[in-house]
């Protein structure tokens, strides 16, 4: 388990302990962490987030209301 994966697990555990369901975060964030790990990133940056969100072949997320 990478450091980012451990931080994500800790983050989700903390937020759930505070009463948040985090269904979308628990579904999306592991993919983002895997992207960061694959690119050798040790921190979350705006550049990395934009790269992950705009990668080719990615299915767009549907917003509220489908």
N, C-alpha and C. Protein backbone atom coordinates (compact mmCIF):
# COMPACT_ATOMS: atom_id res chain seq x y z
N UNK A 1 0.85 -1.18 0.00
CA UNK A 1 0.00 0.00 0.00
C UNK A 1 0.90 1.24 0.00
N UNK A 2 0.65 2.12 -0.95
CA UNK A 2 1.44 3.35 -1.03
C UNK A 2 1.03 4.31 0.08
N UNK A 3 1.86 5.32 0.29
CA UNK A 3 1.55 6.34 1.29
C UNK A 3 0.24 7.05 0.95
N UNK A 4 0.03 7.34 -0.34
CA UNK A 4 -1.21 8.01 -0.73
C UNK A 4 -2.42 7.11 -0.49
N UNK A 5 -2.29 5.81 -0.75
CA UNK A 5 -3.39 4.88 -0.48
C UNK A 5 -3.72 4.84 1.01
N UNK A 6 -2.68 4.87 1.85
CA UNK A 6 -2.90 4.88 3.30
C UNK A 6 -3.57 6.18 3.73
N UNK A 7 -3.13 7.30 3.17
CA UNK A 7 -3.75 8.59 3.49
C UNK A 7 -5.22 8.60 3.06
N UNK A 8 -5.51 8.02 1.91
CA UNK A 8 -6.89 7.95 1.45
C UNK A 8 -7.73 7.10 2.40
N UNK A 9 -7.21 5.95 2.79
CA UNK A 9 -7.95 5.09 3.72
C UNK A 9 -8.21 5.81 5.04
N UNK A 10 -7.20 6.54 5.53
CA UNK A 10 -7.36 7.29 6.77
C UNK A 10 -8.40 8.40 6.60
N UNK A 11 -8.35 9.09 5.47
CA UNK A 11 -9.30 10.16 5.17
C UNK A 11 -10.73 9.64 5.15
N UNK A 12 -10.95 8.55 4.43
CA UNK A 12 -12.30 7.98 4.33
C UNK A 12 -12.80 7.49 5.68
N UNK A 13 -11.91 6.88 6.45
CA UNK A 13 -12.29 6.41 7.79
C UNK A 13 -12.68 7.58 8.68
N UNK A 14 -11.90 8.63 8.66
CA UNK A 14 -12.20 9.81 9.47
C UNK A 14 -13.52 10.43 9.07
N UNK A 15 -13.71 10.66 7.77
CA UNK A 15 -14.95 11.29 7.31
C UNK A 15 -16.16 10.43 7.62
N UNK A 16 -16.04 9.11 7.48
CA UNK A 16 -17.16 8.23 7.81
C UNK A 16 -17.46 8.27 9.30
N UNK A 17 -16.42 8.38 10.13
CA UNK A 17 -16.63 8.45 11.58
C UNK A 17 -17.35 9.73 11.97
N UNK A 18 -17.30 10.73 11.10
CA UNK A 18 -17.99 11.99 11.34
C UNK A 18 -19.40 11.99 10.74
N UNK A 19 -19.81 10.84 10.17
CA UNK A 19 -21.17 10.69 9.69
C UNK A 19 -21.38 10.88 8.21
N UNK A 20 -20.33 11.00 7.44
CA UNK A 20 -20.45 11.18 6.00
C UNK A 20 -20.47 9.82 5.30
N UNK A 21 -21.34 9.66 4.30
CA UNK A 21 -21.40 8.39 3.56
C UNK A 21 -20.27 8.26 2.56
N UNK A 22 -19.99 9.31 1.83
CA UNK A 22 -18.87 9.36 0.89
C UNK A 22 -18.92 8.31 -0.21
N UNK A 23 -20.10 7.97 -0.68
CA UNK A 23 -20.24 6.95 -1.72
C UNK A 23 -19.44 7.33 -2.97
N UNK A 24 -19.58 8.55 -3.43
CA UNK A 24 -18.86 8.97 -4.64
C UNK A 24 -17.36 9.06 -4.40
N UNK A 25 -16.97 9.61 -3.27
CA UNK A 25 -15.54 9.74 -2.97
C UNK A 25 -14.89 8.37 -2.87
N UNK A 26 -15.55 7.43 -2.22
CA UNK A 26 -15.00 6.08 -2.08
C UNK A 26 -14.89 5.38 -3.42
N UNK A 27 -15.70 5.80 -4.38
CA UNK A 27 -15.67 5.21 -5.71
C UNK A 27 -14.63 5.89 -6.60
N UNK A 28 -14.50 7.21 -6.50
CA UNK A 28 -13.62 7.97 -7.38
C UNK A 28 -12.18 8.08 -6.89
N UNK A 29 -11.99 8.33 -5.62
CA UNK A 29 -10.65 8.65 -5.12
C UNK A 29 -9.63 7.53 -5.28
N UNK A 30 -9.99 6.24 -5.15
CA UNK A 30 -8.97 5.22 -5.38
C UNK A 30 -8.39 5.28 -6.80
N UNK A 31 -9.20 5.61 -7.78
CA UNK A 31 -8.69 5.75 -9.14
C UNK A 31 -7.74 6.92 -9.28
N UNK A 32 -8.05 8.00 -8.58
CA UNK A 32 -7.17 9.18 -8.60
C UNK A 32 -5.84 8.84 -7.93
N UNK A 33 -5.90 8.16 -6.80
CA UNK A 33 -4.67 7.77 -6.10
C UNK A 33 -3.84 6.82 -6.98
N UNK A 34 -4.49 5.89 -7.65
CA UNK A 34 -3.77 4.99 -8.55
C UNK A 34 -3.09 5.77 -9.68
N UNK A 35 -3.79 6.78 -10.19
CA UNK A 35 -3.21 7.66 -11.23
C UNK A 35 -1.98 8.37 -10.68
N UNK A 36 -2.09 8.93 -9.49
CA UNK A 36 -0.95 9.63 -8.88
C UNK A 36 0.22 8.68 -8.69
N UNK A 37 -0.06 7.49 -8.17
CA UNK A 37 1.01 6.51 -7.95
C UNK A 37 1.67 6.11 -9.27
N UNK A 38 0.87 5.91 -10.31
CA UNK A 38 1.41 5.51 -11.61
C UNK A 38 2.29 6.59 -12.23
N UNK A 39 2.02 7.84 -11.86
CA UNK A 39 2.80 8.96 -12.40
C UNK A 39 3.89 9.42 -11.44
N UNK A 40 4.10 8.68 -10.36
CA UNK A 40 5.17 9.00 -9.43
C UNK A 40 4.91 10.24 -8.59
N UNK A 41 3.67 10.66 -8.49
CA UNK A 41 3.33 11.84 -7.69
C UNK A 41 3.17 11.43 -6.23
N UNK A 42 3.74 12.22 -5.34
CA UNK A 42 3.64 11.95 -3.92
C UNK A 42 2.70 12.91 -3.21
N UNK A 43 2.23 13.90 -3.95
CA UNK A 43 1.29 14.87 -3.40
C UNK A 43 0.20 15.15 -4.43
N UNK A 44 -0.91 15.64 -3.95
CA UNK A 44 -2.02 16.03 -4.82
C UNK A 44 -1.76 17.45 -5.28
N UNK A 45 -1.81 17.66 -6.58
CA UNK A 45 -1.64 19.00 -7.14
C UNK A 45 -2.79 19.28 -8.10
N UNK A 46 -3.00 20.54 -8.38
CA UNK A 46 -4.02 20.92 -9.35
C UNK A 46 -3.68 20.32 -10.71
N UNK A 47 -2.42 20.37 -11.08
CA UNK A 47 -2.00 19.82 -12.37
C UNK A 47 -2.31 18.33 -12.48
N UNK A 48 -2.04 17.59 -11.42
CA UNK A 48 -2.32 16.15 -11.42
C UNK A 48 -3.82 15.89 -11.48
N UNK A 49 -4.60 16.66 -10.73
CA UNK A 49 -6.06 16.50 -10.74
C UNK A 49 -6.62 16.78 -12.12
N UNK A 50 -6.13 17.82 -12.77
CA UNK A 50 -6.60 18.13 -14.13
C UNK A 50 -6.18 17.05 -15.12
N UNK A 51 -4.98 16.53 -14.97
CA UNK A 51 -4.52 15.45 -15.83
C UNK A 51 -5.37 14.21 -15.69
N UNK A 52 -5.71 13.87 -14.44
CA UNK A 52 -6.56 12.71 -14.18
C UNK A 52 -7.97 12.92 -14.73
N UNK A 53 -8.51 14.09 -14.48
CA UNK A 53 -9.89 14.37 -14.90
C UNK A 53 -10.04 14.47 -16.41
N UNK A 54 -8.98 14.81 -17.11
CA UNK A 54 -9.09 15.01 -18.56
C UNK A 54 -8.37 13.93 -19.37
N UNK A 55 -8.06 12.81 -18.74
CA UNK A 55 -7.34 11.76 -19.46
C UNK A 55 -8.22 11.16 -20.56
N UNK A 56 -7.61 10.75 -21.65
CA UNK A 56 -8.36 10.17 -22.77
C UNK A 56 -9.07 8.88 -22.37
N UNK A 57 -10.24 8.67 -22.94
CA UNK A 57 -10.99 7.46 -22.71
C UNK A 57 -11.78 7.44 -21.42
N UNK A 58 -11.73 8.50 -20.67
CA UNK A 58 -12.44 8.59 -19.40
C UNK A 58 -13.90 8.90 -19.66
N UNK A 59 -14.78 8.17 -18.99
CA UNK A 59 -16.21 8.45 -19.13
C UNK A 59 -16.57 9.66 -18.29
N UNK A 60 -17.31 10.59 -18.84
CA UNK A 60 -17.72 11.76 -18.05
C UNK A 60 -18.69 11.34 -16.94
N UNK A 61 -18.58 12.02 -15.82
CA UNK A 61 -19.50 11.76 -14.71
C UNK A 61 -20.80 12.49 -14.96
N UNK A 62 -21.87 11.88 -14.56
CA UNK A 62 -23.16 12.57 -14.68
C UNK A 62 -23.36 13.40 -13.43
N UNK A 63 -23.89 14.57 -13.60
CA UNK A 63 -24.16 15.45 -12.47
C UNK A 63 -25.49 15.15 -11.85
N UNK A 64 -25.92 16.02 -10.97
CA UNK A 64 -27.22 15.83 -10.34
C UNK A 64 -28.35 15.72 -11.38
N UNK A 65 -29.20 14.77 -11.18
CA UNK A 65 -30.30 14.59 -12.11
C UNK A 65 -29.98 13.69 -13.28
N UNK A 66 -28.76 13.13 -13.31
CA UNK A 66 -28.41 12.15 -14.33
C UNK A 66 -27.76 12.75 -15.48
